[in-house]
Amino acid sequence: MLIFFGMIFLSFKIKSWLVQNFFFFFFFFMYFSIPMFNYFLNISYMFGMDMFSYLMFMLGVWVISLVYIPSINLKNNFFFYFNILMFFFILIFFFCFFSNNFILFYIFYEMNLFPIIILIYGWGYQYERFKAGFYLFMYMIFFSLPFFFCLLNLNNFIFIFMYYYDYLNNLNFFYYFFLMMIFLVKMPLFLFHIWLPKAHVEAPISGSMILAGIMLKLGGFGIYHILMLVLKINLKLNFYFISLCLLGMFILSLVCFFQSDLKILIAYSSVVHMGLVIIGFLTFNNWGYSGSLILMFGHGLCSSGLFCLSNICYLRFKSRSMFLNKGLINIYPFLSFWWFLLSSSNMSFPPSLNLFGELMLLMSLMIWLDYFYFFYLLIMIFMFLYSLYLYLYTQYGKLFFSLNYLVYIYLSEYLMLFLHWLPLNLIFLIMEFYC
């Protein structure tokens, strides 16, 4: 791995495609070291790997490998610094997902704020990007410091992810709240989600892909491990968090119907999907764990692909407004085909991973409290409807006159969409191996 990172540094000033190939090489190198069981392997004093962390890190490497395709126009615009940021993203994700010590995980969990804020500030679109970065920073730091103080007060325990759970079962509500909220805000939880649409709107396409593809998954990874430490109090209070998630998903699904910006609609869709993931973890059964893991992996690919589609339209129409991006099927029929494929995956059509994840989460919620499944089914119907609204409103209707229609779609952009769609719809063939 050190040799690989050294090769990345040597390639910073050579060619962008060479750096991207190194990331793809690293992905396939990691693929052949797949763990065979769900418990920790290669465990040491500081690092270990289980199936959850392995899949999330693989997703991060895959998304960052694809980031270089739409960012090719950055070649003459500080591309050297862009390469450094991508390198630090990989490094931070490695330390976050493979650390089995809470202090080490916390340090790198907070360090990932700096490269994403630099990415938004440096390559963002409008002046409001500074406000978006401030929102992101303040939401994370506000709940970060109480979490850190909780860890310091509990420092007489060994904070290993897999051991010593029984010692922390008698924590009070404030410990539970502050240990959980740092990860729920990153997901994000409803009422603490305002930073996400702002960050997506102002971030470049590379920032949106990283945010949707892997940054939100750090919160799920943290919740999965912290819930084991607060098991007893979680069983008493998870009803309120699950109710809040269901209410928030219902409200945000309705909010999606009133959005005219493509990025904001996709960002709110991400909040709805992450609400499902939170519910899966809080129900505390194997269906919920497997469904959350599958949905996080599928959402990372699907949402990242939808952001790529919105960026392709933005480069041609110079706008993300759905009132201007209409009638695309008349001028870009093959691009409309990719809109259909990724929108259908967002609707959880078979054989996408989103379908399997949502069905498992439905079973998990029915096992936990049977009458909640009605609200869950209602939310799934709304998720289907706003995805259908996104597809139909952009592909049909009266064309907006613009000379940018003459700009053709590059083959590399179709390749990027294909590399998002392929694992999203074919991993179900070997899904029993991962669950």
Protein backbone atom coordinates (compact mmCIF):
# COMPACT_ATOMS: atom_id res chain seq x y z
CA MET A 1 0.00 0.00 0.00
CA LEU A 2 2.84 2.41 0.75
CA ILE A 3 4.29 1.59 -2.68
CA PHE A 4 0.93 2.37 -4.24
CA PHE A 5 0.63 5.76 -2.53
CA GLY A 6 4.20 6.54 -3.56
CA MET A 7 3.28 5.79 -7.18
CA ILE A 8 0.29 8.11 -6.87
CA PHE A 9 2.53 10.94 -5.67
CA LEU A 10 4.95 10.36 -8.53
CA SER A 11 2.13 10.54 -11.05
CA PHE A 12 0.68 13.86 -9.85
CA LYS A 13 2.41 15.85 -12.58
CA ILE A 14 2.23 13.28 -15.37
CA LYS A 15 -1.27 12.50 -16.66
CA SER A 16 -4.70 12.53 -15.04
CA TRP A 17 -5.67 9.23 -16.65
CA LEU A 18 -2.57 7.62 -15.14
CA VAL A 19 -3.62 8.67 -11.63
CA GLN A 20 -7.11 7.33 -12.30
CA ASN A 21 -5.69 4.02 -13.49
CA PHE A 22 -3.71 3.75 -10.28
CA PHE A 23 -6.93 4.11 -8.30
CA PHE A 24 -8.61 1.44 -10.43
CA PHE A 25 -5.60 -0.80 -9.90
CA PHE A 26 -5.86 -0.26 -6.14
CA PHE A 27 -9.58 -1.15 -6.29
CA PHE A 28 -8.96 -4.49 -7.98
CA PHE A 29 -5.99 -5.16 -5.71
CA MET A 30 -8.31 -4.72 -2.70
CA TYR A 31 -11.00 -6.82 -4.37
CA PHE A 32 -8.82 -9.94 -4.27
CA SER A 33 -8.21 -9.51 -0.52
CA ILE A 34 -11.91 -9.83 0.30
CA PRO A 35 -12.66 -11.03 3.86
CA MET A 36 -14.56 -14.28 4.11
CA PHE A 37 -16.43 -13.53 7.34
CA ASN A 38 -18.17 -10.61 9.01
CA TYR A 39 -15.93 -10.45 12.06
CA PHE A 40 -12.60 -8.62 12.15
CA LEU A 41 -9.68 -9.96 10.15
CA ASN A 42 -6.04 -8.83 10.08
CA ILE A 43 -6.67 -7.34 13.51
CA SER A 44 -3.88 -5.47 15.28
CA TYR A 45 -3.68 -2.92 18.07
CA MET A 46 -5.08 -0.18 15.80
CA PHE A 47 -6.40 -1.69 12.56
CA GLY A 48 -8.77 -4.41 11.48
CA MET A 49 -11.22 -5.20 8.70
CA ASP A 50 -14.69 -6.68 8.61
CA MET A 51 -17.18 -7.01 5.76
CA PHE A 52 -18.84 -3.67 6.55
CA SER A 53 -15.63 -1.64 6.52
CA TYR A 54 -14.30 -3.55 3.52
CA LEU A 55 -17.34 -2.80 1.35
CA MET A 56 -17.47 0.86 2.36
CA PHE A 57 -13.79 1.38 1.59
CA MET A 58 -14.17 -0.38 -1.75
CA LEU A 59 -17.10 1.90 -2.54
CA GLY A 60 -14.96 4.93 -1.68
CA VAL A 61 -12.10 3.85 -3.94
CA TRP A 62 -14.54 3.13 -6.80
CA VAL A 63 -16.27 6.52 -6.51
CA ILE A 64 -13.00 8.45 -6.31
CA SER A 65 -11.76 6.53 -9.37
CA LEU A 66 -14.83 7.74 -11.26
CA VAL A 67 -14.43 11.32 -10.00
CA TYR A 68 -11.65 11.91 -12.52
CA ILE A 69 -13.91 11.42 -15.54
CA PRO A 70 -16.17 14.48 -15.07
CA SER A 71 -13.28 16.48 -13.58
CA ILE A 72 -11.18 16.37 -16.73
CA ASN A 73 -11.85 20.09 -17.32
CA LEU A 74 -9.88 20.80 -14.14
CA LYS A 75 -6.66 19.76 -15.84
CA ASN A 76 -5.43 23.33 -16.22
CA ASN A 77 -7.14 24.62 -13.09
CA PHE A 78 -4.98 23.56 -10.15
CA PHE A 79 -5.23 19.90 -11.07
CA PHE A 80 -2.16 19.15 -8.97
CA TYR A 81 -4.00 20.23 -5.81
CA PHE A 82 -7.08 18.28 -6.88
CA ASN A 83 -4.92 15.13 -7.03
CA ILE A 84 -3.63 15.79 -3.53
CA LEU A 85 -7.18 16.13 -2.20
CA MET A 86 -8.20 12.81 -3.79
CA PHE A 87 -5.16 11.16 -2.25
CA PHE A 88 -6.09 12.46 1.21
CA PHE A 89 -9.66 11.28 0.75
CA ILE A 90 -8.43 7.74 0.13
CA LEU A 91 -6.03 7.95 3.06
CA ILE A 92 -8.69 9.26 5.47
CA PHE A 93 -11.23 6.65 4.36
CA PHE A 94 -8.64 3.93 4.91
CA PHE A 95 -7.93 5.05 8.49
CA CYS A 96 -11.64 5.58 9.24
CA PHE A 97 -12.95 2.26 7.98
CA PHE A 98 -10.07 0.03 9.06
CA SER A 99 -9.43 1.47 12.53
CA ASN A 100 -10.75 -0.47 15.51
CA ASN A 101 -10.01 2.24 18.04
CA PHE A 102 -12.61 4.94 18.70
CA ILE A 103 -10.09 7.71 19.31
CA LEU A 104 -8.29 7.01 16.04
CA PHE A 105 -11.60 6.71 14.21
CA TYR A 106 -12.80 10.02 15.67
CA ILE A 107 -9.64 11.87 14.59
CA PHE A 108 -9.90 10.82 10.96
CA TYR A 109 -13.70 11.07 10.99
CA GLU A 110 -13.31 14.79 11.68
CA MET A 111 -10.32 15.21 9.37
CA ASN A 112 -12.46 14.38 6.34
CA LEU A 113 -14.19 17.76 6.80
CA PHE A 114 -11.14 19.68 5.64
CA PRO A 115 -10.66 18.18 2.15
CA ILE A 116 -14.40 18.38 1.35
CA ILE A 117 -14.57 22.03 2.50
CA ILE A 118 -11.46 22.84 0.45
CA LEU A 119 -13.08 21.12 -2.52
CA ILE A 120 -16.26 23.21 -2.11
CA TYR A 121 -14.37 26.47 -1.57
CA GLY A 122 -11.81 25.91 -4.30
CA TRP A 123 -13.93 24.47 -7.10
CA GLY A 124 -17.45 25.55 -6.11
CA TYR A 125 -19.73 27.42 -8.47
CA GLN A 126 -21.06 30.49 -6.67
CA TYR A 127 -20.24 32.84 -3.83
CA GLU A 128 -22.74 31.01 -1.60
CA ARG A 129 -20.26 28.14 -1.40
CA PHE A 130 -18.67 29.87 1.60
CA LYS A 131 -22.02 29.81 3.39
CA ALA A 132 -22.47 26.13 2.48
CA GLY A 133 -19.02 25.28 3.82
CA PHE A 134 -19.77 27.19 7.03
CA TYR A 135 -23.03 25.24 7.49
CA LEU A 136 -21.20 21.96 6.96
CA PHE A 137 -18.42 22.87 9.38
CA MET A 138 -20.68 24.16 12.15
CA TYR A 139 -23.11 21.24 12.05
CA MET A 140 -20.25 18.78 12.41
CA ILE A 141 -18.25 20.65 15.03
CA PHE A 142 -21.28 21.44 17.20
CA PHE A 143 -21.81 17.73 17.93
CA SER A 144 -18.16 16.77 17.60
CA LEU A 145 -16.90 18.38 20.80
CA PRO A 146 -19.49 16.75 23.12
CA PHE A 147 -18.65 13.39 21.55
CA PHE A 148 -14.97 13.97 22.23
CA PHE A 149 -15.62 14.90 25.86
CA CYS A 150 -17.72 11.75 26.27
CA LEU A 151 -14.81 9.69 25.02
CA LEU A 152 -12.45 11.43 27.44
CA ASN A 153 -14.79 10.72 30.36
CA LEU A 154 -14.91 7.07 29.39
CA ASN A 155 -11.18 6.75 28.73
CA ASN A 156 -10.72 4.13 31.40
CA PHE A 157 -12.22 1.62 28.95
CA ILE A 158 -10.43 0.19 25.96
CA PHE A 159 -12.24 1.58 22.94
CA ILE A 160 -12.00 -1.36 20.64
CA PHE A 161 -14.95 -1.80 18.29
CA MET A 162 -15.43 -5.49 18.92
CA TYR A 163 -14.78 -5.85 22.66
CA TYR A 164 -15.76 -4.56 26.09
CA TYR A 165 -19.34 -3.74 25.20
CA ASP A 166 -20.85 -4.81 28.52
CA TYR A 167 -19.05 -2.11 30.51
CA LEU A 168 -20.96 0.76 28.86
CA ASN A 169 -24.52 -0.51 29.12
CA ASN A 170 -25.41 1.75 32.06
CA LEU A 171 -24.82 5.12 30.40
CA ASN A 172 -27.38 7.90 30.90
CA PHE A 173 -29.37 9.72 28.23
CA PHE A 174 -26.84 12.51 27.67
CA TYR A 175 -24.03 10.07 26.90
CA TYR A 176 -26.31 8.23 24.50
CA PHE A 177 -27.44 11.45 22.80
CA PHE A 178 -23.98 12.90 22.28
CA LEU A 179 -22.41 9.60 21.25
CA MET A 180 -25.12 9.15 18.63
CA MET A 181 -25.69 12.65 17.27
CA ILE A 182 -22.24 13.09 15.76
CA PHE A 183 -23.07 10.24 13.36
CA LEU A 184 -26.76 11.04 12.90
CA VAL A 185 -25.89 14.55 11.74
CA LYS A 186 -23.47 13.14 9.16
CA MET A 187 -26.11 10.74 7.78
CA PRO A 188 -28.04 13.19 8.03
CA LEU A 189 -31.01 12.83 10.39
CA PHE A 190 -34.16 14.84 9.67
CA LEU A 191 -34.06 18.30 11.32
CA PHE A 192 -30.25 18.25 11.06
CA HIS A 193 -30.11 17.88 7.28
CA ILE A 194 -30.00 21.53 6.17
CA TRP A 195 -26.27 21.43 5.43
CA LEU A 196 -26.60 18.64 2.85
CA PRO A 197 -28.66 20.38 0.09
CA LYS A 198 -26.56 23.54 0.49
CA ALA A 199 -23.30 21.59 0.22
CA HIS A 200 -24.52 19.67 -2.84
CA VAL A 201 -25.71 22.76 -4.68
CA GLU A 202 -22.46 24.67 -4.20
CA ALA A 203 -20.04 21.74 -4.54
CA PRO A 204 -18.50 20.77 -7.89
CA ILE A 205 -19.49 17.45 -9.39
CA SER A 206 -16.50 15.76 -7.72
CA GLY A 207 -17.63 17.05 -4.32
CA SER A 208 -21.22 15.89 -4.89
CA MET A 209 -20.05 12.43 -5.92
CA ILE A 210 -17.85 12.06 -2.84
CA LEU A 211 -20.50 13.47 -0.49
CA ALA A 212 -23.27 11.21 -1.80
CA GLY A 213 -21.09 8.22 -2.57
CA ILE A 214 -19.05 7.81 0.59
CA MET A 215 -19.10 10.72 3.08
CA LEU A 216 -22.63 9.94 4.28
CA LYS A 217 -21.61 6.31 4.79
CA LEU A 218 -19.12 7.31 7.47
CA GLY A 219 -22.09 8.21 9.67
CA GLY A 220 -23.67 4.80 9.13
CA PHE A 221 -20.38 3.09 9.90
CA GLY A 222 -20.09 5.01 13.16
CA ILE A 223 -23.70 4.30 14.18
CA TYR A 224 -23.19 0.58 13.58
CA HIS A 225 -20.32 0.48 16.08
CA ILE A 226 -21.54 2.98 18.66
CA LEU A 227 -24.91 1.24 19.03
CA MET A 228 -23.13 -1.80 20.43
CA LEU A 229 -21.80 0.36 23.26
CA VAL A 230 -25.20 1.79 24.23
CA LEU A 231 -27.35 -1.27 23.66
CA LYS A 232 -29.65 -1.10 26.69
CA ILE A 233 -30.52 2.59 26.52
CA ASN A 234 -30.93 2.35 22.75
CA LEU A 235 -33.61 -0.32 23.18
CA LYS A 236 -35.52 2.17 25.35
CA LEU A 237 -35.15 5.24 23.12
CA ASN A 238 -34.95 3.94 19.55
CA PHE A 239 -38.73 4.23 19.20
CA TYR A 240 -38.44 8.03 19.22
CA PHE A 241 -35.60 8.14 16.69
CA ILE A 242 -37.39 5.71 14.37
CA SER A 243 -40.58 7.77 14.61
CA LEU A 244 -38.62 10.92 13.81
CA CYS A 245 -37.00 9.22 10.82
CA LEU A 246 -40.36 8.05 9.44
CA LEU A 247 -41.87 11.51 9.90
CA GLY A 248 -38.87 13.17 8.28
CA MET A 249 -38.86 10.78 5.33
CA PHE A 250 -42.55 11.46 4.73
CA ILE A 251 -42.10 15.26 4.87
CA LEU A 252 -38.96 15.30 2.71
CA SER A 253 -40.59 13.02 0.14
CA LEU A 254 -43.32 15.65 -0.22
CA VAL A 255 -40.69 18.41 -0.34
CA CYS A 256 -39.09 16.68 -3.35
CA PHE A 257 -42.22 17.36 -5.42
CA PHE A 258 -41.76 21.12 -4.97
CA GLN A 259 -38.10 21.28 -6.02
CA SER A 260 -37.05 22.80 -9.34
CA ASP A 261 -33.29 22.32 -8.91
CA LEU A 262 -32.03 18.90 -9.99
CA LYS A 263 -29.28 18.78 -7.37
CA ILE A 264 -31.54 19.75 -4.48
CA LEU A 265 -34.08 17.09 -5.45
CA ILE A 266 -31.40 14.39 -5.59
CA ALA A 267 -29.93 15.65 -2.28
CA TYR A 268 -33.30 15.39 -0.50
CA SER A 269 -33.68 11.94 -2.00
CA SER A 270 -30.38 11.03 -0.32
CA VAL A 271 -31.73 12.22 3.05
CA VAL A 272 -34.79 9.98 2.60
CA HIS A 273 -32.63 6.94 1.79
CA MET A 274 -30.33 7.61 4.74
CA GLY A 275 -33.41 7.72 6.97
CA LEU A 276 -34.09 4.13 5.92
CA VAL A 277 -30.52 3.20 6.83
CA ILE A 278 -30.87 4.75 10.31
CA ILE A 279 -34.10 2.80 10.88
CA GLY A 280 -32.38 -0.42 9.85
CA PHE A 281 -29.60 0.05 12.40
CA LEU A 282 -31.93 1.10 15.22
CA THR A 283 -34.19 -1.96 14.85
CA PHE A 284 -31.23 -4.08 15.98
CA ASN A 285 -31.72 -7.28 14.02
CA ASN A 286 -29.90 -9.07 11.24
CA TRP A 287 -32.42 -8.00 8.57
CA GLY A 288 -31.82 -4.37 9.50
CA TYR A 289 -28.05 -4.71 9.48
CA SER A 290 -27.94 -6.45 6.08
CA GLY A 291 -30.54 -4.12 4.56
CA SER A 292 -28.72 -1.00 5.75
CA LEU A 293 -25.40 -2.25 4.41
CA ILE A 294 -26.88 -3.10 1.00
CA LEU A 295 -28.85 0.15 0.76
CA MET A 296 -25.80 2.23 1.68
CA PHE A 297 -23.76 0.55 -1.03
CA GLY A 298 -26.55 0.88 -3.61
CA HIS A 299 -27.33 4.48 -2.69
CA GLY A 300 -23.66 5.46 -3.02
CA LEU A 301 -23.64 4.33 -6.64
CA CYS A 302 -27.16 5.44 -7.61
CA SER A 303 -27.02 8.91 -6.08
CA SER A 304 -23.54 9.56 -7.43
CA GLY A 305 -24.73 8.56 -10.91
CA LEU A 306 -27.73 10.91 -10.69
CA PHE A 307 -25.47 13.79 -9.73
CA CYS A 308 -23.32 12.98 -12.76
CA LEU A 309 -26.41 13.13 -14.98
CA SER A 310 -27.42 16.49 -13.54
CA ASN A 311 -23.89 17.78 -14.15
CA ILE A 312 -23.98 16.60 -17.78
CA CYS A 313 -27.20 18.57 -18.30
CA TYR A 314 -25.76 21.58 -16.47
CA LEU A 315 -22.74 21.69 -18.78
CA ARG A 316 -25.06 21.80 -21.83
CA PHE A 317 -27.87 24.03 -20.58
CA LYS A 318 -25.87 26.14 -18.09
CA SER A 319 -28.70 25.61 -15.61
CA ARG A 320 -29.94 22.95 -13.20
CA SER A 321 -33.51 24.20 -13.33
CA MET A 322 -36.06 21.55 -14.25
CA PHE A 323 -38.02 24.24 -16.13
CA LEU A 324 -35.13 24.59 -18.58
CA ASN A 325 -33.95 20.96 -18.67
CA LYS A 326 -37.03 19.64 -20.47
CA GLY A 327 -37.58 17.54 -23.56
CA LEU A 328 -34.14 15.91 -23.37
CA ILE A 329 -35.41 12.75 -25.03
CA ASN A 330 -35.79 14.68 -28.30
CA ILE A 331 -32.16 15.76 -28.53
CA TYR A 332 -30.25 13.27 -26.34
CA PRO A 333 -32.21 9.99 -26.57
CA PHE A 334 -29.34 7.81 -25.38
CA LEU A 335 -28.73 10.09 -22.40
CA SER A 336 -32.45 9.79 -21.66
CA PHE A 337 -31.94 6.04 -21.57
CA TRP A 338 -29.38 6.48 -18.77
CA TRP A 339 -31.76 8.83 -16.96
CA PHE A 340 -34.30 6.01 -17.06
CA LEU A 341 -31.87 3.38 -15.79
CA LEU A 342 -30.60 5.40 -12.83
CA SER A 343 -34.02 6.86 -11.98
CA SER A 344 -35.49 3.36 -11.98
CA SER A 345 -32.70 2.26 -9.63
CA ASN A 346 -33.58 5.20 -7.40
CA MET A 347 -37.19 3.95 -7.49
CA SER A 348 -35.86 0.57 -6.28
CA PHE A 349 -36.74 -1.35 -9.42
CA PRO A 350 -35.22 -4.82 -9.80
CA PRO A 351 -32.49 -5.86 -9.99
CA SER A 352 -30.91 -2.84 -8.28
CA LEU A 353 -29.38 -3.15 -4.82
CA ASN A 354 -31.82 -0.52 -3.54
CA LEU A 355 -34.70 -2.98 -4.00
CA PHE A 356 -33.06 -5.72 -1.93
CA GLY A 357 -31.99 -3.26 0.75
CA GLU A 358 -35.45 -1.71 1.10
CA LEU A 359 -37.17 -5.09 1.22
CA MET A 360 -34.82 -6.21 4.00
CA LEU A 361 -35.46 -2.98 5.88
CA LEU A 362 -39.21 -3.50 5.50
CA MET A 363 -38.86 -6.97 7.04
CA SER A 364 -36.71 -5.51 9.81
CA LEU A 365 -39.31 -2.86 10.66
CA MET A 366 -42.15 -5.40 10.62
CA ILE A 367 -40.23 -7.64 13.03
CA TRP A 368 -39.52 -4.70 15.35
CA LEU A 369 -43.02 -3.10 15.36
CA ASP A 370 -45.54 -4.48 12.90
CA TYR A 371 -47.90 -1.52 12.50
CA PHE A 372 -45.06 0.78 11.35
CA TYR A 373 -44.86 -1.03 8.02
CA PHE A 374 -47.86 0.97 6.73
CA PHE A 375 -45.92 4.24 7.05
CA TYR A 376 -42.89 2.60 5.47
CA LEU A 377 -44.91 1.44 2.45
CA LEU A 378 -46.42 4.92 2.08
CA ILE A 379 -42.92 6.42 2.03
CA MET A 380 -41.78 3.88 -0.58
CA ILE A 381 -44.70 4.92 -2.79
CA PHE A 382 -43.66 8.58 -2.49
CA MET A 383 -40.06 7.64 -3.27
CA PHE A 384 -41.28 5.97 -6.44
CA LEU A 385 -43.41 8.99 -7.37
CA TYR A 386 -40.76 11.69 -6.98
CA SER A 387 -38.23 9.59 -8.91
CA LEU A 388 -40.83 9.22 -11.66
CA TYR A 389 -41.46 12.98 -11.47
CA LEU A 390 -37.72 13.62 -11.87
CA TYR A 391 -37.51 11.43 -14.96
CA LEU A 392 -40.71 12.52 -16.74
CA TYR A 393 -40.31 16.23 -16.09
CA THR A 394 -36.77 16.32 -17.50
CA GLN A 395 -37.25 14.02 -20.49
CA TYR A 396 -40.60 15.21 -21.81
CA GLY A 397 -42.17 18.59 -22.42
CA LYS A 398 -41.44 21.60 -24.58
CA LEU A 399 -37.82 22.22 -25.51
CA PHE A 400 -36.05 25.31 -24.26
CA PHE A 401 -34.23 26.93 -27.17
CA SER A 402 -30.49 27.00 -26.70
CA LEU A 403 -27.48 26.63 -28.96
CA ASN A 404 -25.90 24.33 -26.37
CA TYR A 405 -27.93 21.51 -27.91
CA LEU A 406 -25.10 21.25 -30.44
CA VAL A 407 -22.70 20.10 -27.72
CA TYR A 408 -22.56 16.33 -27.99
CA ILE A 409 -22.21 13.88 -25.10
CA TYR A 410 -18.69 12.53 -24.69
CA LEU A 411 -18.05 8.81 -24.70
CA SER A 412 -16.22 9.14 -21.37
CA GLU A 413 -19.43 10.48 -19.79
CA TYR A 414 -21.37 7.45 -21.00
CA LEU A 415 -18.59 5.26 -19.61
CA MET A 416 -18.89 7.01 -16.23
CA LEU A 417 -22.65 6.36 -16.13
CA PHE A 418 -22.13 2.74 -17.15
CA LEU A 419 -19.57 2.20 -14.37
CA HIS A 420 -22.11 3.54 -11.88
CA TRP A 421 -24.94 1.38 -13.15
CA LEU A 422 -23.07 -1.91 -13.66
CA PRO A 423 -22.15 -2.73 -10.02
CA LEU A 424 -25.46 -1.27 -8.81
CA ASN A 425 -27.46 -3.83 -10.80
CA LEU A 426 -25.17 -6.86 -10.96
CA ILE A 427 -23.84 -7.25 -7.40
CA PHE A 428 -27.13 -8.94 -6.45
CA LEU A 429 -25.77 -12.07 -8.19
CA ILE A 430 -23.22 -12.52 -5.38
CA MET A 431 -25.12 -10.73 -2.62
CA GLU A 432 -25.42 -13.79 -0.36
CA PHE A 433 -21.63 -13.79 -0.14
CA TYR A 434 -21.60 -10.27 1.38
CA CYS A 435 -24.48 -10.73 3.83
